[in-house]
Amino acid sequence: MNKHKGFVLRLSQAERERAQRLAREQGVSENRLYAEIIHDGLLIQEQMAYLRQMQKLGALVSQEEALALLDRSPDVEPAEHDMLGA
C-alpha cells in the first residue's frame, strides 16, 4: 500500500531548471529534492509559528514577573546533556 499521494506542482520553467540542477549537484532525484525542501520549509514555518506564539505569551508577562519567576529556579549547574555545545 502506497501511503504517498501525488499532486501537481506548478513551477516556472526557470525554477524547475534550478531545481533539476540542484538535484543533480546533490545526487538526488528531483522528487526527493522537492520532498526535502517542502519538509524543511514546513519545519521552519512551524518553528516561526511557535516563536510568534511565545512572543504573544511573553507580551502578557512583565519583565519584573519574568525575573521573579527565574529567581525561584534553583541555582545549579545544568545537566551535562543540557549544556550548550555538549
N, C-alpha and C. Protein backbone atom coordinates (compact mmCIF):
# COMPACT_ATOMS: atom_id res chain seq x y z
N MET A 1 0.84 -1.17 0.00
CA MET A 1 0.00 0.00 0.00
C MET A 1 0.89 1.24 0.00
N ASN A 2 0.69 2.13 -0.94
CA ASN A 2 1.48 3.35 -1.05
C ASN A 2 0.83 4.44 -0.22
N LYS A 3 1.54 4.96 0.79
CA LYS A 3 0.98 6.00 1.65
C LYS A 3 1.18 7.40 1.08
N HIS A 4 1.87 7.51 -0.02
CA HIS A 4 2.12 8.81 -0.63
C HIS A 4 1.06 9.10 -1.68
N LYS A 5 0.59 10.32 -1.69
CA LYS A 5 -0.35 10.75 -2.72
C LYS A 5 0.34 11.80 -3.57
N GLY A 6 0.07 11.76 -4.83
CA GLY A 6 0.67 12.71 -5.72
C GLY A 6 -0.19 13.96 -5.89
N PHE A 7 0.45 15.01 -6.31
CA PHE A 7 -0.27 16.23 -6.68
C PHE A 7 0.59 16.99 -7.68
N VAL A 8 -0.05 17.86 -8.40
CA VAL A 8 0.66 18.63 -9.42
C VAL A 8 1.29 19.85 -8.76
N LEU A 9 2.56 20.03 -9.01
CA LEU A 9 3.28 21.19 -8.50
C LEU A 9 3.60 22.09 -9.70
N ARG A 10 3.06 23.26 -9.67
CA ARG A 10 3.28 24.18 -10.80
C ARG A 10 4.45 25.11 -10.48
N LEU A 11 5.46 25.05 -11.32
CA LEU A 11 6.65 25.89 -11.20
C LEU A 11 6.92 26.55 -12.52
N SER A 12 7.58 27.70 -12.46
CA SER A 12 8.04 28.30 -13.71
C SER A 12 9.15 27.41 -14.27
N GLN A 13 9.37 27.51 -15.55
CA GLN A 13 10.42 26.70 -16.17
C GLN A 13 11.78 27.03 -15.55
N ALA A 14 12.01 28.29 -15.25
CA ALA A 14 13.28 28.70 -14.66
C ALA A 14 13.47 28.05 -13.28
N GLU A 15 12.41 28.02 -12.47
CA GLU A 15 12.50 27.40 -11.15
C GLU A 15 12.73 25.90 -11.28
N ARG A 16 12.06 25.29 -12.22
CA ARG A 16 12.22 23.85 -12.41
C ARG A 16 13.65 23.53 -12.83
N GLU A 17 14.22 24.33 -13.71
CA GLU A 17 15.59 24.11 -14.14
C GLU A 17 16.56 24.29 -12.97
N ARG A 18 16.30 25.27 -12.13
CA ARG A 18 17.14 25.45 -10.93
C ARG A 18 17.07 24.21 -10.05
N ALA A 19 15.86 23.70 -9.85
CA ALA A 19 15.68 22.52 -9.01
C ALA A 19 16.36 21.30 -9.63
N GLN A 20 16.22 21.14 -10.91
CA GLN A 20 16.85 20.00 -11.58
C GLN A 20 18.37 20.07 -11.45
N ARG A 21 18.91 21.26 -11.63
CA ARG A 21 20.37 21.43 -11.50
C ARG A 21 20.82 21.12 -10.07
N LEU A 22 20.09 21.63 -9.10
CA LEU A 22 20.44 21.39 -7.71
C LEU A 22 20.33 19.90 -7.36
N ALA A 23 19.30 19.25 -7.85
CA ALA A 23 19.14 17.81 -7.59
C ALA A 23 20.32 17.04 -8.17
N ARG A 24 20.73 17.38 -9.39
CA ARG A 24 21.90 16.72 -9.99
C ARG A 24 23.14 16.95 -9.14
N GLU A 25 23.34 18.19 -8.70
CA GLU A 25 24.52 18.52 -7.89
C GLU A 25 24.54 17.76 -6.57
N GLN A 26 23.35 17.53 -6.01
CA GLN A 26 23.26 16.82 -4.74
C GLN A 26 23.17 15.31 -4.92
N GLY A 27 23.02 14.88 -6.15
CA GLY A 27 22.94 13.45 -6.42
C GLY A 27 21.64 12.82 -5.95
N VAL A 28 20.55 13.58 -5.97
CA VAL A 28 19.24 13.06 -5.57
C VAL A 28 18.26 13.28 -6.72
N SER A 29 17.15 12.59 -6.63
CA SER A 29 16.11 12.78 -7.65
C SER A 29 15.44 14.13 -7.45
N GLU A 30 14.83 14.61 -8.50
CA GLU A 30 14.11 15.86 -8.42
C GLU A 30 12.98 15.73 -7.38
N ASN A 31 12.30 14.60 -7.38
CA ASN A 31 11.22 14.37 -6.42
C ASN A 31 11.76 14.42 -5.00
N ARG A 32 12.89 13.79 -4.75
CA ARG A 32 13.49 13.79 -3.40
C ARG A 32 13.85 15.21 -2.98
N LEU A 33 14.39 15.98 -3.91
CA LEU A 33 14.74 17.37 -3.61
C LEU A 33 13.51 18.16 -3.19
N TYR A 34 12.42 18.04 -3.96
CA TYR A 34 11.19 18.76 -3.62
C TYR A 34 10.67 18.31 -2.26
N ALA A 35 10.69 17.00 -2.00
CA ALA A 35 10.20 16.48 -0.72
C ALA A 35 11.01 17.06 0.44
N GLU A 36 12.33 17.13 0.29
CA GLU A 36 13.18 17.67 1.34
C GLU A 36 12.96 19.16 1.53
N ILE A 37 12.81 19.88 0.43
CA ILE A 37 12.56 21.33 0.51
C ILE A 37 11.24 21.59 1.21
N ILE A 38 10.22 20.83 0.85
CA ILE A 38 8.90 21.02 1.48
C ILE A 38 8.98 20.66 2.96
N HIS A 39 9.63 19.55 3.29
CA HIS A 39 9.78 19.16 4.70
C HIS A 39 10.47 20.25 5.50
N ASP A 40 11.59 20.74 4.98
CA ASP A 40 12.35 21.77 5.69
C ASP A 40 11.55 23.06 5.80
N GLY A 41 10.85 23.42 4.73
CA GLY A 41 10.03 24.63 4.74
C GLY A 41 8.90 24.54 5.75
N LEU A 42 8.26 23.38 5.83
CA LEU A 42 7.20 23.19 6.81
C LEU A 42 7.74 23.30 8.23
N LEU A 43 8.89 22.71 8.46
CA LEU A 43 9.51 22.78 9.78
C LEU A 43 9.81 24.23 10.16
N ILE A 44 10.35 24.99 9.25
CA ILE A 44 10.64 26.40 9.51
C ILE A 44 9.36 27.16 9.81
N GLN A 45 8.30 26.92 9.03
CA GLN A 45 7.04 27.60 9.25
C GLN A 45 6.46 27.25 10.63
N GLU A 46 6.56 25.98 11.01
CA GLU A 46 6.07 25.56 12.33
C GLU A 46 6.86 26.23 13.45
N GLN A 47 8.17 26.30 13.27
CA GLN A 47 9.01 26.94 14.29
C GLN A 47 8.71 28.44 14.39
N MET A 48 8.48 29.07 13.26
CA MET A 48 8.15 30.50 13.28
C MET A 48 6.80 30.73 13.95
N ALA A 49 5.82 29.86 13.70
CA ALA A 49 4.51 29.98 14.35
C ALA A 49 4.66 29.80 15.85
N TYR A 50 5.50 28.85 16.28
CA TYR A 50 5.75 28.64 17.71
C TYR A 50 6.40 29.88 18.32
N LEU A 51 7.37 30.45 17.62
CA LEU A 51 8.04 31.65 18.12
C LEU A 51 7.04 32.81 18.26
N ARG A 52 6.17 32.98 17.27
CA ARG A 52 5.16 34.04 17.36
C ARG A 52 4.25 33.81 18.56
N GLN A 53 3.87 32.57 18.81
CA GLN A 53 3.02 32.25 19.96
C GLN A 53 3.75 32.56 21.27
N MET A 54 5.03 32.22 21.34
CA MET A 54 5.81 32.52 22.55
C MET A 54 5.95 34.03 22.75
N GLN A 55 6.09 34.77 21.65
CA GLN A 55 6.18 36.22 21.75
C GLN A 55 4.87 36.80 22.27
N LYS A 56 3.74 36.26 21.82
CA LYS A 56 2.45 36.73 22.33
C LYS A 56 2.32 36.44 23.81
N LEU A 57 2.73 35.24 24.23
CA LEU A 57 2.66 34.91 25.65
C LEU A 57 3.61 35.78 26.46
N GLY A 58 4.79 36.02 25.90
CA GLY A 58 5.77 36.87 26.59
C GLY A 58 5.28 38.28 26.79
N ALA A 59 4.46 38.76 25.87
CA ALA A 59 3.93 40.12 25.99
C ALA A 59 2.94 40.24 27.14
N LEU A 60 2.44 39.11 27.63
CA LEU A 60 1.47 39.12 28.73
C LEU A 60 2.15 39.19 30.09
N VAL A 61 3.47 39.03 30.12
CA VAL A 61 4.22 38.98 31.38
C VAL A 61 5.20 40.15 31.40
N SER A 62 5.22 40.84 32.52
CA SER A 62 6.17 41.95 32.64
C SER A 62 7.58 41.41 32.86
N GLN A 63 8.55 42.26 32.63
CA GLN A 63 9.93 41.87 32.86
C GLN A 63 10.15 41.52 34.33
N GLU A 64 9.53 42.26 35.22
CA GLU A 64 9.67 42.01 36.64
C GLU A 64 9.10 40.63 37.00
N GLU A 65 7.94 40.30 36.43
CA GLU A 65 7.33 38.99 36.70
C GLU A 65 8.21 37.86 36.18
N ALA A 66 8.78 38.06 35.00
CA ALA A 66 9.65 37.03 34.42
C ALA A 66 10.90 36.84 35.27
N LEU A 67 11.50 37.92 35.70
CA LEU A 67 12.69 37.82 36.53
C LEU A 67 12.37 37.19 37.89
N ALA A 68 11.20 37.51 38.44
CA ALA A 68 10.79 36.90 39.71
C ALA A 68 10.63 35.39 39.55
N LEU A 69 10.10 34.97 38.43
CA LEU A 69 9.96 33.54 38.18
C LEU A 69 11.32 32.87 38.06
N LEU A 70 12.25 33.51 37.36
CA LEU A 70 13.60 32.96 37.24
C LEU A 70 14.29 32.90 38.59
N ASP A 71 14.02 33.86 39.46
CA ASP A 71 14.63 33.86 40.80
C ASP A 71 14.20 32.64 41.61
N ARG A 72 13.06 32.06 41.28
CA ARG A 72 12.55 30.89 42.01
C ARG A 72 13.23 29.60 41.57
N SER A 73 13.94 29.63 40.46
CA SER A 73 14.58 28.40 39.97
C SER A 73 15.87 28.16 40.75
N PRO A 74 16.23 26.89 40.95
CA PRO A 74 17.44 26.58 41.75
C PRO A 74 18.71 27.04 41.03
N ASP A 75 19.68 27.43 41.82
CA ASP A 75 20.97 27.90 41.29
C ASP A 75 21.92 26.71 41.21
N VAL A 76 21.72 25.89 40.18
CA VAL A 76 22.55 24.70 39.99
C VAL A 76 23.06 24.69 38.55
N GLU A 77 24.17 24.02 38.36
CA GLU A 77 24.70 23.85 37.01
C GLU A 77 23.76 22.96 36.20
N PRO A 78 23.65 23.21 34.92
CA PRO A 78 22.80 22.35 34.10
C PRO A 78 23.40 20.94 33.97
N ALA A 79 22.52 19.97 33.74
CA ALA A 79 22.99 18.61 33.49
C ALA A 79 23.86 18.63 32.23
N GLU A 80 24.78 17.72 32.14
CA GLU A 80 25.72 17.69 31.01
C GLU A 80 25.00 17.69 29.67
N HIS A 81 23.91 16.91 29.56
CA HIS A 81 23.20 16.84 28.27
C HIS A 81 22.41 18.11 27.96
N ASP A 82 22.26 19.03 28.94
CA ASP A 82 21.56 20.29 28.73
C ASP A 82 22.51 21.44 28.44
N MET A 83 23.80 21.20 28.53
CA MET A 83 24.78 22.27 28.33
C MET A 83 24.95 22.57 26.85
N LEU A 84 25.16 23.84 26.55
CA LEU A 84 25.42 24.23 25.17
C LEU A 84 26.75 23.64 24.73
N GLY A 85 26.76 23.17 23.50
CA GLY A 85 27.99 22.59 22.95
C GLY A 85 28.25 21.18 23.41
N ALA A 86 27.33 20.59 24.15
CA ALA A 86 27.52 19.22 24.64
C ALA A 86 27.15 18.21 23.58
